[in-house]
Amino acid sequence: MTEMSETIENEAWLRYNVIEDEGLREEYRVRCSAIAITEQTKVLRTAERELAEAVQAMTGYSPDLVTIRDHLVPSVIIGVLGSGDAGIDREVGA
């Protein structure tokens, strides 16, 4: 296997291209300006890291990683609905 094919195979579904449309890229940057996870589990921390890498790759901007209570800015919240935090469930309309 060549080095290039190994790289492509390893990237698999984590391959992100730059968003060429400037308006759309700015919309992603604004809507994904911060990422928060609802609890500190290995799975959610991995999702947070991968999403941050994707946003950076597509927009050139690295989102802030914030606590769930600091999400006054537009943000993406990663978690499990009904996991015991009524405030979070209420925030996302569960």
C-alpha atoms as a PDB file:
ATOM      1  CA  MET A   1       0.000   0.000   0.000  1.00  0.00           C
ATOM      2  CA  THR A   2       1.360   3.446  -0.876  1.00  0.00           C
ATOM      3  CA  GLU A   3       1.758   6.213   1.677  1.00  0.00           C
ATOM      4  CA  MET A   4      -0.993   8.241  -0.055  1.00  0.00           C
ATOM      5  CA  SER A   5      -3.513   5.390   0.012  1.00  0.00           C
ATOM      6  CA  GLU A   6      -2.693   4.723   3.689  1.00  0.00           C
ATOM      7  CA  THR A   7      -3.321   8.393   4.480  1.00  0.00           C
ATOM      8  CA  ILE A   8      -6.647   8.362   2.644  1.00  0.00           C
ATOM      9  CA  GLU A   9      -7.651   5.093   4.294  1.00  0.00           C
ATOM     10  CA  ASN A  10      -6.764   6.416   7.759  1.00  0.00           C
ATOM     11  CA  GLU A  11      -8.731   9.621   7.206  1.00  0.00           C
ATOM     12  CA  ALA A  12     -11.793   7.629   6.131  1.00  0.00           C
ATOM     13  CA  TRP A  13     -14.858   9.564   7.262  1.00  0.00           C
ATOM     14  CA  LEU A  14     -12.764  12.259   8.996  1.00  0.00           C
ATOM     15  CA  ARG A  15     -11.810  13.939   5.738  1.00  0.00           C
ATOM     16  CA  TYR A  16     -12.942  17.559   5.567  1.00  0.00           C
ATOM     17  CA  ASN A  17     -12.521  20.007   2.711  1.00  0.00           C
ATOM     18  CA  VAL A  18     -12.343  23.771   3.020  1.00  0.00           C
ATOM     19  CA  ILE A  19     -15.739  25.385   2.455  1.00  0.00           C
ATOM     20  CA  GLU A  20     -15.126  27.397  -0.692  1.00  0.00           C
ATOM     21  CA  ASP A  21     -18.254  29.590  -0.451  1.00  0.00           C
ATOM     22  CA  GLU A  22     -17.186  32.497   1.769  1.00  0.00           C
ATOM     23  CA  GLY A  23     -20.711  33.215   3.036  1.00  0.00           C
ATOM     24  CA  LEU A  24     -21.325  29.597   3.981  1.00  0.00           C
ATOM     25  CA  ARG A  25     -17.884  29.327   5.578  1.00  0.00           C
ATOM     26  CA  GLU A  26     -18.654  32.398   7.726  1.00  0.00           C
ATOM     27  CA  GLU A  27     -22.041  30.940   8.725  1.00  0.00           C
ATOM     28  CA  TYR A  28     -20.316  27.730   9.886  1.00  0.00           C
ATOM     29  CA  ARG A  29     -17.727  29.792  11.757  1.00  0.00           C
ATOM     30  CA  VAL A  30     -20.415  31.764  13.597  1.00  0.00           C
ATOM     31  CA  ARG A  31     -22.698  28.816  14.370  1.00  0.00           C
ATOM     32  CA  CYS A  32     -19.806  26.622  15.478  1.00  0.00           C
ATOM     33  CA  SER A  33     -17.834  29.277  17.349  1.00  0.00           C
ATOM     34  CA  ALA A  34     -17.893  27.160  20.508  1.00  0.00           C
ATOM     35  CA  ILE A  35     -18.306  23.495  21.334  1.00  0.00           C
ATOM     36  CA  ALA A  36     -19.543  22.184  24.674  1.00  0.00           C
ATOM     37  CA  ILE A  37     -20.011  18.650  25.918  1.00  0.00           C
ATOM     38  CA  THR A  38     -22.550  17.697  28.555  1.00  0.00           C
ATOM     39  CA  GLU A  39     -20.244  15.405  30.517  1.00  0.00           C
ATOM     40  CA  GLN A  40     -16.603  14.380  30.559  1.00  0.00           C
ATOM     41  CA  THR A  41     -16.678  10.909  29.032  1.00  0.00           C
ATOM     42  CA  LYS A  42     -14.092   9.482  26.666  1.00  0.00           C
ATOM     43  CA  VAL A  43     -16.655   9.261  23.848  1.00  0.00           C
ATOM     44  CA  LEU A  44     -17.877  12.849  24.252  1.00  0.00           C
ATOM     45  CA  ARG A  45     -14.328  14.250  24.576  1.00  0.00           C
ATOM     46  CA  THR A  46     -13.411  12.399  21.367  1.00  0.00           C
ATOM     47  CA  ALA A  47     -16.488  13.785  19.585  1.00  0.00           C
ATOM     48  CA  GLU A  48     -15.614  17.276  20.830  1.00  0.00           C
ATOM     49  CA  ARG A  49     -12.034  16.997  19.554  1.00  0.00           C
ATOM     50  CA  GLU A  50     -13.078  15.574  16.175  1.00  0.00           C
ATOM     51  CA  LEU A  51     -15.740  18.244  15.677  1.00  0.00           C
ATOM     52  CA  ALA A  52     -13.255  20.993  16.566  1.00  0.00           C
ATOM     53  CA  GLU A  53     -10.787  19.555  14.026  1.00  0.00           C
ATOM     54  CA  ALA A  54     -13.527  19.406  11.380  1.00  0.00           C
ATOM     55  CA  VAL A  55     -14.611  23.014  11.949  1.00  0.00           C
ATOM     56  CA  GLN A  56     -10.997  24.167  11.795  1.00  0.00           C
ATOM     57  CA  ALA A  57     -10.338  22.205   8.595  1.00  0.00           C
ATOM     58  CA  MET A  58     -13.491  23.487   6.867  1.00  0.00           C
ATOM     59  CA  THR A  59     -13.401  27.121   8.035  1.00  0.00           C
ATOM     60  CA  GLY A  60      -9.822  27.870   9.067  1.00  0.00           C
ATOM     61  CA  TYR A  61     -11.174  28.878  12.477  1.00  0.00           C
ATOM     62  CA  SER A  62     -10.681  26.911  15.694  1.00  0.00           C
ATOM     63  CA  PRO A  63     -13.827  26.936  17.844  1.00  0.00           C
ATOM     64  CA  ASP A  64     -13.606  27.581  21.568  1.00  0.00           C
ATOM     65  CA  LEU A  65     -14.095  24.546  23.796  1.00  0.00           C
ATOM     66  CA  VAL A  66     -16.374  25.787  26.567  1.00  0.00           C
ATOM     67  CA  THR A  67     -18.254  24.414  29.517  1.00  0.00           C
ATOM     68  CA  ILE A  68     -21.927  23.785  28.963  1.00  0.00           C
ATOM     69  CA  ARG A  69     -22.889  26.651  31.287  1.00  0.00           C
ATOM     70  CA  ASP A  70     -20.785  29.122  29.257  1.00  0.00           C
ATOM     71  CA  HIS A  71     -22.624  28.622  25.994  1.00  0.00           C
ATOM     72  CA  LEU A  72     -23.971  32.164  25.683  1.00  0.00           C
ATOM     73  CA  VAL A  73     -22.316  32.338  22.286  1.00  0.00           C
ATOM     74  CA  PRO A  74     -23.628  30.273  19.378  1.00  0.00           C
ATOM     75  CA  SER A  75     -22.372  26.796  20.028  1.00  0.00           C
ATOM     76  CA  VAL A  76     -22.678  23.126  19.317  1.00  0.00           C
ATOM     77  CA  ILE A  77     -23.626  21.013  22.319  1.00  0.00           C
ATOM     78  CA  ILE A  78     -22.645  17.340  22.284  1.00  0.00           C
ATOM     79  CA  GLY A  79     -24.280  14.984  24.741  1.00  0.00           C
ATOM     80  CA  VAL A  80     -26.998  12.475  25.476  1.00  0.00           C
ATOM     81  CA  LEU A  81     -30.539  13.749  26.012  1.00  0.00           C
ATOM     82  CA  GLY A  82     -32.130  12.523  29.194  1.00  0.00           C
ATOM     83  CA  SER A  83     -28.790  11.762  30.822  1.00  0.00           C
ATOM     84  CA  GLY A  84     -29.766  13.409  34.069  1.00  0.00           C
ATOM     85  CA  ASP A  85     -29.171  17.121  33.509  1.00  0.00           C
ATOM     86  CA  ALA A  86     -32.622  18.719  33.294  1.00  0.00           C
ATOM     87  CA  GLY A  87     -31.116  22.142  32.522  1.00  0.00           C
ATOM     88  CA  ILE A  88     -29.354  20.819  29.446  1.00  0.00           C
ATOM     89  CA  ASP A  89     -32.425  18.916  28.274  1.00  0.00           C
ATOM     90  CA  ARG A  90     -34.470  22.090  28.671  1.00  0.00           C
ATOM     91  CA  GLU A  91     -31.891  24.118  26.686  1.00  0.00           C
ATOM     92  CA  VAL A  92     -32.157  21.820  23.696  1.00  0.00           C
ATOM     93  CA  GLY A  93     -35.901  21.294  23.932  1.00  0.00           C
ATOM     94  CA  ALA A  94     -35.953  17.684  25.090  1.00  0.00           C
END
